Amino acid sequence: MSDATTVRPPRVRGALAGVLAAAAGVLAAEGAAAVLTGVTAPVVAVGNRAVDWTPQPVKEWAIDAFGSADKAVLIGGVLVTVALLAALAGFLGVRRPRLALIGFVLLVALASTAMLTDRAATASPALRLVPVLVLAVVGLGGLAWMLYPLRRTSPGLASTDPGAPVRPAADPAGTAKRLRRRADRERHRLPHRPGAGAHGLTVGT
């Protein structure tokens, strides 16, 4: 059986865990922003920053191509990009959880920058960061919680944990050789009785 056959299912589940953690974090942050006055939702804030950073010819092309649906297309693009990055983080996080958490921290930092600099928000900076904190706690906590059992139970991944005991792989051929050598040693240890052979019998007088 190849190594790819052993490793692929846990990594696929890791990618799914990344998407689920990101979705939970975004939904929780959107809910927190909805109950706060003057706070822009994280997805909308990131979309606004994307519009600000987009060159004018590209903006005009998007308006001509999508018309009044250009904002919906923009929000959809933001969500798809976040989902792909989260899936990549979860995929890598099965073997390197620290790398996955760093990726999520960068996404949270991007969201916090967008929310703090959003021109449509009227709330104080501290209040704008509340959804960001919710996003960080739910997203990072969910990712770590879902990646942990994958690392503990997935075959072929225990060697990546420095604290995990090293277990040698099963070697049927080597085991058979060791058993034969042990049997040979046992035969050589049998006591030798002089005169017990066929030509060494003695008869008492």
N, C-alpha and C. Protein backbone atom coordinates (compact mmCIF):
# COMPACT_ATOMS: atom_id res chain seq x y z
N MET A 1 0.86 -1.20 0.00
CA MET A 1 0.00 0.00 0.00
C MET A 1 0.88 1.23 0.00
N SER A 2 0.61 2.20 -0.84
CA SER A 2 1.43 3.39 -0.97
C SER A 2 1.16 4.35 0.17
N ASP A 3 2.12 5.30 0.40
CA ASP A 3 1.94 6.28 1.45
C ASP A 3 0.79 7.23 1.13
N ALA A 4 0.58 7.51 -0.18
CA ALA A 4 -0.50 8.42 -0.55
C ALA A 4 -1.86 7.88 -0.15
N THR A 5 -2.01 6.54 -0.23
CA THR A 5 -3.28 5.94 0.15
C THR A 5 -3.55 6.12 1.63
N THR A 6 -2.47 6.12 2.45
CA THR A 6 -2.63 6.24 3.88
C THR A 6 -2.88 7.67 4.31
N VAL A 7 -2.21 8.65 3.66
CA VAL A 7 -2.21 10.02 4.11
C VAL A 7 -3.38 10.81 3.55
N ARG A 8 -3.86 10.47 2.35
CA ARG A 8 -4.84 11.31 1.68
C ARG A 8 -6.13 11.50 2.47
N PRO A 9 -6.78 10.47 3.01
CA PRO A 9 -8.04 10.72 3.73
C PRO A 9 -7.91 11.67 4.89
N PRO A 10 -6.91 11.59 5.78
CA PRO A 10 -6.81 12.57 6.86
C PRO A 10 -6.63 13.99 6.35
N ARG A 11 -5.88 14.17 5.28
CA ARG A 11 -5.68 15.53 4.77
C ARG A 11 -6.95 16.09 4.13
N VAL A 12 -7.71 15.22 3.50
CA VAL A 12 -9.00 15.68 2.97
C VAL A 12 -9.90 16.12 4.11
N ARG A 13 -9.93 15.34 5.19
CA ARG A 13 -10.72 15.74 6.35
C ARG A 13 -10.16 17.01 6.98
N GLY A 14 -8.84 17.19 6.92
CA GLY A 14 -8.26 18.42 7.42
C GLY A 14 -8.69 19.63 6.62
N ALA A 15 -8.75 19.50 5.29
CA ALA A 15 -9.24 20.60 4.45
C ALA A 15 -10.69 20.93 4.78
N LEU A 16 -11.50 19.89 4.98
CA LEU A 16 -12.90 20.12 5.35
C LEU A 16 -12.99 20.80 6.72
N ALA A 17 -12.11 20.41 7.64
CA ALA A 17 -12.10 21.05 8.95
C ALA A 17 -11.76 22.53 8.83
N GLY A 18 -10.83 22.87 7.94
CA GLY A 18 -10.48 24.27 7.74
C GLY A 18 -11.66 25.07 7.22
N VAL A 19 -12.40 24.51 6.26
CA VAL A 19 -13.57 25.21 5.71
C VAL A 19 -14.64 25.38 6.78
N LEU A 20 -14.89 24.32 7.54
CA LEU A 20 -15.92 24.40 8.59
C LEU A 20 -15.53 25.40 9.67
N ALA A 21 -14.25 25.42 10.06
CA ALA A 21 -13.82 26.37 11.08
C ALA A 21 -13.95 27.80 10.59
N ALA A 22 -13.57 28.03 9.33
CA ALA A 22 -13.70 29.38 8.77
C ALA A 22 -15.17 29.79 8.67
N ALA A 23 -16.02 28.86 8.24
CA ALA A 23 -17.45 29.18 8.12
C ALA A 23 -18.05 29.51 9.49
N ALA A 24 -17.69 28.73 10.50
CA ALA A 24 -18.21 29.01 11.84
C ALA A 24 -17.73 30.36 12.35
N GLY A 25 -16.45 30.65 12.12
CA GLY A 25 -15.91 31.94 12.57
C GLY A 25 -16.56 33.12 11.86
N VAL A 26 -16.74 33.00 10.54
CA VAL A 26 -17.35 34.10 9.78
C VAL A 26 -18.80 34.30 10.20
N LEU A 27 -19.54 33.22 10.35
CA LEU A 27 -20.94 33.34 10.76
C LEU A 27 -21.07 33.96 12.15
N ALA A 28 -20.20 33.54 13.06
CA ALA A 28 -20.25 34.11 14.41
C ALA A 28 -19.89 35.60 14.38
N ALA A 29 -18.87 35.96 13.58
CA ALA A 29 -18.48 37.37 13.48
C ALA A 29 -19.57 38.21 12.81
N GLU A 30 -20.22 37.64 11.80
CA GLU A 30 -21.32 38.35 11.15
C GLU A 30 -22.47 38.58 12.14
N GLY A 31 -22.75 37.58 12.97
CA GLY A 31 -23.79 37.75 13.98
C GLY A 31 -23.44 38.80 15.01
N ALA A 32 -22.16 38.83 15.42
CA ALA A 32 -21.74 39.85 16.38
C ALA A 32 -21.83 41.25 15.77
N ALA A 33 -21.45 41.38 14.49
CA ALA A 33 -21.53 42.69 13.84
C ALA A 33 -22.98 43.13 13.66
N ALA A 34 -23.88 42.19 13.48
CA ALA A 34 -25.28 42.54 13.24
C ALA A 34 -25.94 43.16 14.47
N VAL A 35 -25.48 42.79 15.66
CA VAL A 35 -26.11 43.32 16.88
C VAL A 35 -25.41 44.58 17.39
N LEU A 36 -24.35 45.00 16.72
CA LEU A 36 -23.62 46.20 17.11
C LEU A 36 -23.96 47.34 16.16
N THR A 37 -24.11 48.51 16.69
CA THR A 37 -24.46 49.68 15.87
C THR A 37 -23.19 50.32 15.30
N GLY A 38 -23.21 50.57 14.00
CA GLY A 38 -22.09 51.26 13.36
C GLY A 38 -20.92 50.37 13.04
N VAL A 39 -21.10 49.06 13.06
CA VAL A 39 -20.02 48.12 12.78
C VAL A 39 -20.34 47.40 11.48
N THR A 40 -19.39 47.43 10.55
CA THR A 40 -19.56 46.75 9.27
C THR A 40 -19.22 45.28 9.42
N ALA A 41 -20.00 44.44 8.76
CA ALA A 41 -19.74 43.00 8.81
C ALA A 41 -18.37 42.70 8.20
N PRO A 42 -17.68 41.68 8.71
CA PRO A 42 -16.33 41.40 8.22
C PRO A 42 -16.25 41.14 6.71
N VAL A 43 -17.19 40.36 6.18
CA VAL A 43 -17.14 40.05 4.75
C VAL A 43 -17.34 41.31 3.92
N VAL A 44 -18.27 42.16 4.33
CA VAL A 44 -18.51 43.40 3.61
C VAL A 44 -17.31 44.33 3.73
N ALA A 45 -16.69 44.38 4.91
CA ALA A 45 -15.52 45.24 5.10
C ALA A 45 -14.37 44.80 4.20
N VAL A 46 -14.14 43.49 4.12
CA VAL A 46 -13.08 42.99 3.24
C VAL A 46 -13.42 43.29 1.78
N GLY A 47 -14.70 43.14 1.42
CA GLY A 47 -15.11 43.47 0.06
C GLY A 47 -14.90 44.94 -0.26
N ASN A 48 -15.20 45.83 0.68
CA ASN A 48 -14.97 47.26 0.47
C ASN A 48 -13.50 47.58 0.26
N ARG A 49 -12.65 46.91 1.05
CA ARG A 49 -11.20 47.14 0.87
C ARG A 49 -10.74 46.60 -0.48
N ALA A 50 -11.32 45.49 -0.91
CA ALA A 50 -10.95 44.95 -2.21
C ALA A 50 -11.34 45.92 -3.33
N VAL A 51 -12.50 46.56 -3.17
CA VAL A 51 -12.91 47.56 -4.17
C VAL A 51 -11.94 48.74 -4.18
N ASP A 52 -11.54 49.18 -3.00
CA ASP A 52 -10.62 50.32 -2.91
C ASP A 52 -9.27 49.99 -3.55
N TRP A 53 -8.84 48.73 -3.42
CA TRP A 53 -7.52 48.36 -3.94
C TRP A 53 -7.55 47.92 -5.40
N THR A 54 -8.74 47.82 -5.98
CA THR A 54 -8.86 47.37 -7.36
C THR A 54 -8.63 48.55 -8.31
N PRO A 55 -7.84 48.37 -9.37
CA PRO A 55 -7.64 49.45 -10.34
C PRO A 55 -8.95 49.88 -10.99
N GLN A 56 -9.03 51.13 -11.38
CA GLN A 56 -10.26 51.69 -11.93
C GLN A 56 -10.73 50.96 -13.19
N PRO A 57 -9.84 50.58 -14.12
CA PRO A 57 -10.32 49.85 -15.30
C PRO A 57 -11.00 48.53 -14.95
N VAL A 58 -10.50 47.85 -13.92
CA VAL A 58 -11.12 46.60 -13.51
C VAL A 58 -12.49 46.86 -12.89
N LYS A 59 -12.62 47.93 -12.12
CA LYS A 59 -13.92 48.28 -11.55
C LYS A 59 -14.94 48.54 -12.66
N GLU A 60 -14.53 49.32 -13.66
CA GLU A 60 -15.45 49.63 -14.74
C GLU A 60 -15.85 48.38 -15.52
N TRP A 61 -14.88 47.47 -15.70
CA TRP A 61 -15.21 46.21 -16.39
C TRP A 61 -16.21 45.40 -15.59
N ALA A 62 -16.04 45.33 -14.26
CA ALA A 62 -16.94 44.56 -13.41
C ALA A 62 -18.36 45.14 -13.45
N ILE A 63 -18.45 46.49 -13.46
CA ILE A 63 -19.77 47.11 -13.52
C ILE A 63 -20.45 46.82 -14.85
N ASP A 64 -19.67 46.88 -15.93
CA ASP A 64 -20.25 46.60 -17.25
C ASP A 64 -20.63 45.13 -17.39
N ALA A 65 -19.82 44.24 -16.79
CA ALA A 65 -20.06 42.80 -16.97
C ALA A 65 -21.19 42.30 -16.08
N PHE A 66 -21.27 42.78 -14.84
CA PHE A 66 -22.23 42.23 -13.88
C PHE A 66 -23.37 43.19 -13.56
N GLY A 67 -23.24 44.44 -13.92
CA GLY A 67 -24.31 45.40 -13.67
C GLY A 67 -24.58 45.59 -12.19
N SER A 68 -25.84 45.52 -11.81
CA SER A 68 -26.22 45.73 -10.41
C SER A 68 -25.83 44.56 -9.51
N ALA A 69 -25.41 43.45 -10.11
CA ALA A 69 -25.02 42.27 -9.31
C ALA A 69 -23.52 42.27 -9.00
N ASP A 70 -22.83 43.37 -9.28
CA ASP A 70 -21.38 43.39 -9.08
C ASP A 70 -21.00 43.21 -7.61
N LYS A 71 -21.81 43.78 -6.69
CA LYS A 71 -21.48 43.64 -5.27
C LYS A 71 -21.69 42.20 -4.80
N ALA A 72 -22.75 41.57 -5.28
CA ALA A 72 -22.98 40.16 -4.92
C ALA A 72 -21.85 39.27 -5.44
N VAL A 73 -21.39 39.57 -6.64
CA VAL A 73 -20.27 38.80 -7.20
C VAL A 73 -19.01 39.03 -6.37
N LEU A 74 -18.81 40.27 -5.93
CA LEU A 74 -17.65 40.59 -5.11
C LEU A 74 -17.69 39.83 -3.78
N ILE A 75 -18.83 39.85 -3.11
CA ILE A 75 -18.96 39.13 -1.84
C ILE A 75 -18.76 37.63 -2.05
N GLY A 76 -19.32 37.10 -3.13
CA GLY A 76 -19.11 35.69 -3.43
C GLY A 76 -17.64 35.37 -3.66
N GLY A 77 -16.94 36.28 -4.35
CA GLY A 77 -15.51 36.07 -4.56
C GLY A 77 -14.72 36.07 -3.26
N VAL A 78 -15.11 36.97 -2.34
CA VAL A 78 -14.44 37.00 -1.03
C VAL A 78 -14.66 35.70 -0.28
N LEU A 79 -15.89 35.21 -0.28
CA LEU A 79 -16.20 33.96 0.44
C LEU A 79 -15.47 32.78 -0.17
N VAL A 80 -15.43 32.71 -1.50
CA VAL A 80 -14.73 31.59 -2.16
C VAL A 80 -13.24 31.64 -1.84
N THR A 81 -12.66 32.85 -1.87
CA THR A 81 -11.23 32.97 -1.56
C THR A 81 -10.93 32.54 -0.12
N VAL A 82 -11.77 32.98 0.81
CA VAL A 82 -11.58 32.59 2.21
C VAL A 82 -11.71 31.07 2.37
N ALA A 83 -12.69 30.48 1.68
CA ALA A 83 -12.89 29.03 1.78
C ALA A 83 -11.68 28.27 1.23
N LEU A 84 -11.13 28.73 0.11
CA LEU A 84 -9.97 28.06 -0.47
C LEU A 84 -8.75 28.17 0.44
N LEU A 85 -8.52 29.36 1.00
CA LEU A 85 -7.38 29.53 1.91
C LEU A 85 -7.57 28.72 3.18
N ALA A 86 -8.78 28.66 3.69
CA ALA A 86 -9.05 27.86 4.89
C ALA A 86 -8.87 26.38 4.61
N ALA A 87 -9.30 25.92 3.44
CA ALA A 87 -9.11 24.51 3.08
C ALA A 87 -7.63 24.19 2.97
N LEU A 88 -6.85 25.08 2.38
CA LEU A 88 -5.41 24.85 2.29
C LEU A 88 -4.77 24.80 3.67
N ALA A 89 -5.20 25.70 4.56
CA ALA A 89 -4.66 25.69 5.92
C ALA A 89 -4.99 24.38 6.63
N GLY A 90 -6.22 23.92 6.51
CA GLY A 90 -6.60 22.65 7.15
C GLY A 90 -5.88 21.47 6.53
N PHE A 91 -5.69 21.49 5.21
CA PHE A 91 -4.97 20.41 4.52
C PHE A 91 -3.55 20.30 5.05
N LEU A 92 -2.88 21.44 5.20
CA LEU A 92 -1.51 21.42 5.71
C LEU A 92 -1.47 21.20 7.22
N GLY A 93 -2.56 21.56 7.89
CA GLY A 93 -2.56 21.49 9.35
C GLY A 93 -2.60 20.09 9.92
N VAL A 94 -2.94 19.09 9.11
CA VAL A 94 -2.92 17.71 9.61
C VAL A 94 -1.51 17.33 10.03
N ARG A 95 -0.53 17.75 9.27
CA ARG A 95 0.87 17.48 9.61
C ARG A 95 1.53 18.66 10.31
N ARG A 96 1.11 19.87 9.98
CA ARG A 96 1.74 21.06 10.55
C ARG A 96 0.66 21.98 11.10
N PRO A 97 0.13 21.67 12.27
CA PRO A 97 -0.96 22.48 12.83
C PRO A 97 -0.55 23.92 13.10
N ARG A 98 0.71 24.13 13.44
CA ARG A 98 1.16 25.50 13.70
C ARG A 98 1.05 26.36 12.45
N LEU A 99 1.39 25.76 11.30
CA LEU A 99 1.28 26.49 10.04
C LEU A 99 -0.17 26.84 9.73
N ALA A 100 -1.09 25.92 10.01
CA ALA A 100 -2.51 26.19 9.78
C ALA A 100 -3.01 27.32 10.67
N LEU A 101 -2.60 27.31 11.93
CA LEU A 101 -3.03 28.37 12.85
C LEU A 101 -2.47 29.72 12.44
N ILE A 102 -1.23 29.73 11.94
CA ILE A 102 -0.65 30.98 11.46
C ILE A 102 -1.44 31.52 10.27
N GLY A 103 -1.85 30.61 9.37
CA GLY A 103 -2.67 31.02 8.23
C GLY A 103 -3.98 31.65 8.67
N PHE A 104 -4.61 31.05 9.67
CA PHE A 104 -5.87 31.62 10.18
C PHE A 104 -5.63 32.96 10.86
N VAL A 105 -4.52 33.10 11.55
CA VAL A 105 -4.21 34.38 12.19
C VAL A 105 -4.04 35.47 11.14
N LEU A 106 -3.42 35.13 10.01
CA LEU A 106 -3.27 36.12 8.93
C LEU A 106 -4.62 36.53 8.36
N LEU A 107 -5.53 35.57 8.22
CA LEU A 107 -6.88 35.90 7.74
C LEU A 107 -7.61 36.81 8.73
N VAL A 108 -7.45 36.52 10.02
CA VAL A 108 -8.08 37.38 11.04
C VAL A 108 -7.47 38.77 11.01
N ALA A 109 -6.14 38.85 10.82
CA ALA A 109 -5.48 40.16 10.74
C ALA A 109 -5.98 40.95 9.54
N LEU A 110 -6.20 40.26 8.42
CA LEU A 110 -6.74 40.95 7.24
C LEU A 110 -8.15 41.48 7.53
N ALA A 111 -8.97 40.67 8.18
CA ALA A 111 -10.33 41.11 8.51
C ALA A 111 -10.30 42.28 9.48
N SER A 112 -9.42 42.24 10.47
CA SER A 112 -9.35 43.34 11.43
C SER A 112 -8.89 44.64 10.77
N THR A 113 -7.93 44.53 9.85
CA THR A 113 -7.49 45.73 9.13
C THR A 113 -8.62 46.32 8.31
N ALA A 114 -9.36 45.45 7.62
CA ALA A 114 -10.47 45.93 6.80
C ALA A 114 -11.55 46.58 7.65
N MET A 115 -11.85 46.03 8.82
CA MET A 115 -12.91 46.57 9.65
C MET A 115 -12.49 47.88 10.33
N LEU A 116 -11.23 47.97 10.70
CA LEU A 116 -10.76 49.20 11.35
C LEU A 116 -10.69 50.37 10.37
N THR A 117 -10.45 50.08 9.11
CA THR A 117 -10.30 51.14 8.10
C THR A 117 -11.54 51.29 7.22
N ASP A 118 -12.64 50.60 7.57
CA ASP A 118 -13.84 50.67 6.72
C ASP A 118 -14.46 52.06 6.82
N ARG A 119 -14.70 52.67 5.66
CA ARG A 119 -15.22 54.04 5.62
C ARG A 119 -16.70 54.12 6.00
N ALA A 120 -17.41 52.98 5.92
CA ALA A 120 -18.84 53.00 6.23
C ALA A 120 -19.11 52.80 7.71
N ALA A 121 -18.13 52.38 8.48
CA ALA A 121 -18.34 52.13 9.91
C ALA A 121 -18.28 53.44 10.68
N THR A 122 -19.15 53.57 11.67
CA THR A 122 -19.20 54.76 12.52
C THR A 122 -18.90 54.47 13.98
N ALA A 123 -18.77 53.21 14.33
CA ALA A 123 -18.50 52.84 15.73
C ALA A 123 -17.04 53.11 16.06
N SER A 124 -16.73 53.04 17.35
CA SER A 124 -15.35 53.24 17.79
C SER A 124 -14.48 52.06 17.36
N PRO A 125 -13.15 52.26 17.26
CA PRO A 125 -12.27 51.14 16.88
C PRO A 125 -12.40 49.93 17.80
N ALA A 126 -12.57 50.18 19.10
CA ALA A 126 -12.70 49.06 20.04
C ALA A 126 -13.94 48.24 19.73
N LEU A 127 -15.03 48.93 19.41
CA LEU A 127 -16.27 48.20 19.11
C LEU A 127 -16.16 47.46 17.78
N ARG A 128 -15.44 48.01 16.83
CA ARG A 128 -15.26 47.34 15.55
C ARG A 128 -14.48 46.03 15.69
N LEU A 129 -13.64 45.96 16.71
CA LEU A 129 -12.81 44.77 16.89
C LEU A 129 -13.54 43.63 17.57
N VAL A 130 -14.72 43.88 18.09
CA VAL A 130 -15.46 42.81 18.76
C VAL A 130 -15.75 41.65 17.80
N PRO A 131 -16.27 41.89 16.59
CA PRO A 131 -16.47 40.77 15.67
C PRO A 131 -15.16 40.07 15.29
N VAL A 132 -14.08 40.83 15.26
CA VAL A 132 -12.79 40.22 14.94
C VAL A 132 -12.37 39.24 16.03
N LEU A 133 -12.58 39.63 17.29
CA LEU A 133 -12.26 38.72 18.40
C LEU A 133 -13.12 37.47 18.34
N VAL A 134 -14.40 37.65 18.01
CA VAL A 134 -15.28 36.48 17.87
C VAL A 134 -14.79 35.58 16.74
N LEU A 135 -14.40 36.19 15.63
CA LEU A 135 -13.87 35.41 14.50
C LEU A 135 -12.63 34.63 14.90
N ALA A 136 -11.74 35.27 15.66
CA ALA A 136 -10.50 34.61 16.06
C ALA A 136 -10.77 33.45 17.01
N VAL A 137 -11.61 33.68 18.01
CA VAL A 137 -11.87 32.64 19.00
C VAL A 137 -12.57 31.44 18.37
N VAL A 138 -13.62 31.69 17.61
CA VAL A 138 -14.39 30.59 17.01
C VAL A 138 -13.59 29.90 15.91
N GLY A 139 -12.96 30.67 15.04
CA GLY A 139 -12.23 30.08 13.93
C GLY A 139 -11.00 29.30 14.37
N LEU A 140 -10.15 29.94 15.16
CA LEU A 140 -8.92 29.27 15.61
C LEU A 140 -9.25 28.12 16.55
N GLY A 141 -10.17 28.34 17.48
CA GLY A 141 -10.53 27.26 18.40
C GLY A 141 -11.16 26.08 17.68
N GLY A 142 -12.03 26.37 16.73
CA GLY A 142 -12.66 25.28 15.97
C GLY A 142 -11.65 24.50 15.14
N LEU A 143 -10.71 25.21 14.52
CA LEU A 143 -9.71 24.51 13.71
C LEU A 143 -8.83 23.62 14.57
N ALA A 144 -8.34 24.16 15.69
CA ALA A 144 -7.50 23.35 16.58
C ALA A 144 -8.26 22.14 17.12
N TRP A 145 -9.52 22.32 17.45
CA TRP A 145 -10.33 21.23 18.01
C TRP A 145 -10.56 20.14 16.97
N MET A 146 -10.77 20.52 15.71
CA MET A 146 -11.04 19.52 14.68
C MET A 146 -9.77 18.86 14.15
N LEU A 147 -8.64 19.55 14.21
CA LEU A 147 -7.39 18.95 13.73
C LEU A 147 -6.79 17.98 14.75
N TYR A 148 -7.05 18.19 16.03
CA TYR A 148 -6.42 17.36 17.06
C TYR A 148 -6.71 15.86 16.90
N PRO A 149 -7.98 15.44 16.75
CA PRO A 149 -8.20 13.99 16.58
C PRO A 149 -7.63 13.44 15.29
N LEU A 150 -7.51 14.25 14.26
CA LEU A 150 -6.91 13.76 13.01
C LEU A 150 -5.44 13.43 13.22
N ARG A 151 -4.75 14.24 13.98
CA ARG A 151 -3.33 13.98 14.25
C ARG A 151 -3.14 12.80 15.20
N ARG A 152 -4.09 12.57 16.11
CA ARG A 152 -3.95 11.52 17.11
C ARG A 152 -4.30 10.14 16.57
N THR A 153 -5.22 10.08 15.61
CA THR A 153 -5.73 8.79 15.16
C THR A 153 -5.33 8.43 13.75
N SER A 154 -4.76 9.33 12.98
CA SER A 154 -4.46 9.04 11.58
C SER A 154 -3.19 8.20 11.47
N PRO A 155 -3.22 7.06 10.75
CA PRO A 155 -2.03 6.25 10.57
C PRO A 155 -1.02 6.98 9.71
N GLY A 156 0.26 6.78 10.04
CA GLY A 156 1.32 7.37 9.25
C GLY A 156 1.65 8.79 9.63
N LEU A 157 0.91 9.40 10.61
CA LEU A 157 1.14 10.78 10.98
C LEU A 157 1.77 10.91 12.36
N ALA A 158 1.85 9.84 13.12
CA ALA A 158 2.38 9.95 14.48
C ALA A 158 3.83 10.34 14.49
N SER A 159 4.59 10.02 13.42
CA SER A 159 6.01 10.32 13.39
C SER A 159 6.28 11.81 13.32
N THR A 160 5.27 12.63 12.97
CA THR A 160 5.46 14.06 12.89
C THR A 160 5.39 14.72 14.25
N ASP A 161 4.96 14.03 15.28
CA ASP A 161 4.87 14.58 16.63
C ASP A 161 6.15 14.28 17.36
N PRO A 162 6.96 15.31 17.73
CA PRO A 162 8.25 15.03 18.37
C PRO A 162 8.10 14.26 19.67
N GLY A 163 6.98 14.41 20.37
CA GLY A 163 6.83 13.72 21.65
C GLY A 163 6.23 12.35 21.56
N ALA A 164 5.83 11.94 20.35
CA ALA A 164 5.19 10.63 20.21
C ALA A 164 6.24 9.53 20.18
N PRO A 165 5.98 8.37 20.83
CA PRO A 165 6.94 7.27 20.79
C PRO A 165 7.06 6.71 19.39
N VAL A 166 8.28 6.31 19.05
CA VAL A 166 8.54 5.75 17.72
C VAL A 166 8.27 4.26 17.76
N ARG A 167 7.40 3.79 16.89
CA ARG A 167 7.04 2.39 16.81
C ARG A 167 7.54 1.82 15.50
N PRO A 168 8.44 0.83 15.54
CA PRO A 168 8.94 0.27 14.29
C PRO A 168 7.85 -0.41 13.52
N ALA A 169 7.96 -0.34 12.21
CA ALA A 169 6.97 -0.99 11.34
C ALA A 169 7.13 -2.50 11.39
N ALA A 170 6.02 -3.18 11.18
CA ALA A 170 6.03 -4.63 11.20
C ALA A 170 6.87 -5.17 10.05
N ASP A 171 7.70 -6.19 10.34
CA ASP A 171 8.57 -6.79 9.32
C ASP A 171 8.42 -8.30 9.43
N PRO A 172 7.49 -8.90 8.68
CA PRO A 172 7.28 -10.35 8.78
C PRO A 172 8.52 -11.16 8.45
N ALA A 173 9.29 -10.74 7.44
CA ALA A 173 10.48 -11.50 7.05
C ALA A 173 11.51 -11.47 8.17
N GLY A 174 11.70 -10.28 8.76
CA GLY A 174 12.67 -10.18 9.85
C GLY A 174 12.23 -10.99 11.06
N THR A 175 10.95 -11.02 11.33
CA THR A 175 10.44 -11.80 12.46
C THR A 175 10.70 -13.28 12.25
N ALA A 176 10.48 -13.77 11.04
CA ALA A 176 10.73 -15.19 10.74
C ALA A 176 12.21 -15.53 10.92
N LYS A 177 13.10 -14.63 10.49
CA LYS A 177 14.53 -14.88 10.65
C LYS A 177 14.92 -14.95 12.12
N ARG A 178 14.36 -14.05 12.92
CA ARG A 178 14.67 -14.07 14.35
C ARG A 178 14.18 -15.35 15.00
N LEU A 179 13.03 -15.84 14.61
CA LEU A 179 12.51 -17.08 15.18
C LEU A 179 13.40 -18.26 14.80
N ARG A 180 13.89 -18.28 13.56
CA ARG A 180 14.78 -19.38 13.16
C ARG A 180 16.08 -19.35 13.93
N ARG A 181 16.63 -18.14 14.12
CA ARG A 181 17.88 -18.05 14.88
C ARG A 181 17.67 -18.48 16.33
N ARG A 182 16.53 -18.11 16.90
CA ARG A 182 16.25 -18.52 18.27
C ARG A 182 16.12 -20.04 18.38
N ALA A 183 15.47 -20.67 17.38
CA ALA A 183 15.35 -22.12 17.39
C ALA A 183 16.71 -22.79 17.28
N ASP A 184 17.60 -22.23 16.44
CA ASP A 184 18.95 -22.80 16.31
C ASP A 184 19.71 -22.71 17.62
N ARG A 185 19.57 -21.57 18.31
CA ARG A 185 20.27 -21.43 19.60
C ARG A 185 19.74 -22.43 20.61
N GLU A 186 18.43 -22.66 20.61
CA GLU A 186 17.86 -23.61 21.56
C GLU A 186 18.37 -25.02 21.30
N ARG A 187 18.52 -25.38 20.03
CA ARG A 187 19.05 -26.74 19.73
C ARG A 187 20.48 -26.88 20.20
N HIS A 188 21.30 -25.85 20.05
CA HIS A 188 22.70 -25.93 20.48
C HIS A 188 22.83 -25.95 22.00
N ARG A 189 21.83 -25.52 22.73
CA ARG A 189 21.90 -25.50 24.18
C ARG A 189 21.54 -26.84 24.81
N LEU A 190 21.00 -27.80 24.05
CA LEU A 190 20.64 -29.09 24.60
C LEU A 190 21.88 -29.78 25.16
N PRO A 191 21.80 -30.37 26.38
CA PRO A 191 23.00 -31.01 26.99
C PRO A 191 23.47 -32.22 26.18
N HIS A 192 24.81 -32.35 26.04
CA HIS A 192 25.40 -33.47 25.31
C HIS A 192 25.79 -34.57 26.29
N ARG A 193 25.27 -35.76 26.09
CA ARG A 193 25.54 -36.90 26.97
C ARG A 193 26.54 -37.85 26.30
N PRO A 194 27.74 -37.92 26.85
CA PRO A 194 28.71 -38.87 26.26
C PRO A 194 28.19 -40.29 26.38
N GLY A 195 28.35 -41.00 25.34
CA GLY A 195 27.95 -42.40 25.35
C GLY A 195 26.49 -42.61 25.09
N ALA A 196 25.73 -41.48 24.81
CA ALA A 196 24.31 -41.65 24.59
C ALA A 196 23.98 -41.93 23.16
N GLY A 197 25.02 -41.89 22.31
CA GLY A 197 24.78 -42.17 20.91
C GLY A 197 24.58 -43.64 20.65
N ALA A 198 24.33 -43.95 19.36
CA ALA A 198 24.06 -45.35 18.98
C ALA A 198 25.26 -46.24 19.21
N HIS A 199 26.51 -45.65 19.08
CA HIS A 199 27.72 -46.47 19.22
C HIS A 199 28.34 -46.31 20.58
N GLY A 200 27.69 -45.60 21.51
CA GLY A 200 28.29 -45.37 22.80
C GLY A 200 27.53 -46.02 23.93
N LEU A 201 26.72 -47.01 23.69
CA LEU A 201 25.96 -47.66 24.76
C LEU A 201 26.90 -48.51 25.58
N THR A 202 26.72 -48.45 26.90
CA THR A 202 27.54 -49.28 27.80
C THR A 202 26.62 -50.25 28.53
N VAL A 203 27.20 -51.42 28.81
CA VAL A 203 26.42 -52.44 29.52
C VAL A 203 27.11 -52.73 30.83
N GLY A 204 26.35 -52.68 31.90
CA GLY A 204 26.94 -52.95 33.20
C GLY A 204 27.30 -54.40 33.35
N THR A 205 28.37 -54.65 34.10
CA THR A 205 28.81 -56.04 34.31
C THR A 205 28.27 -56.54 35.61
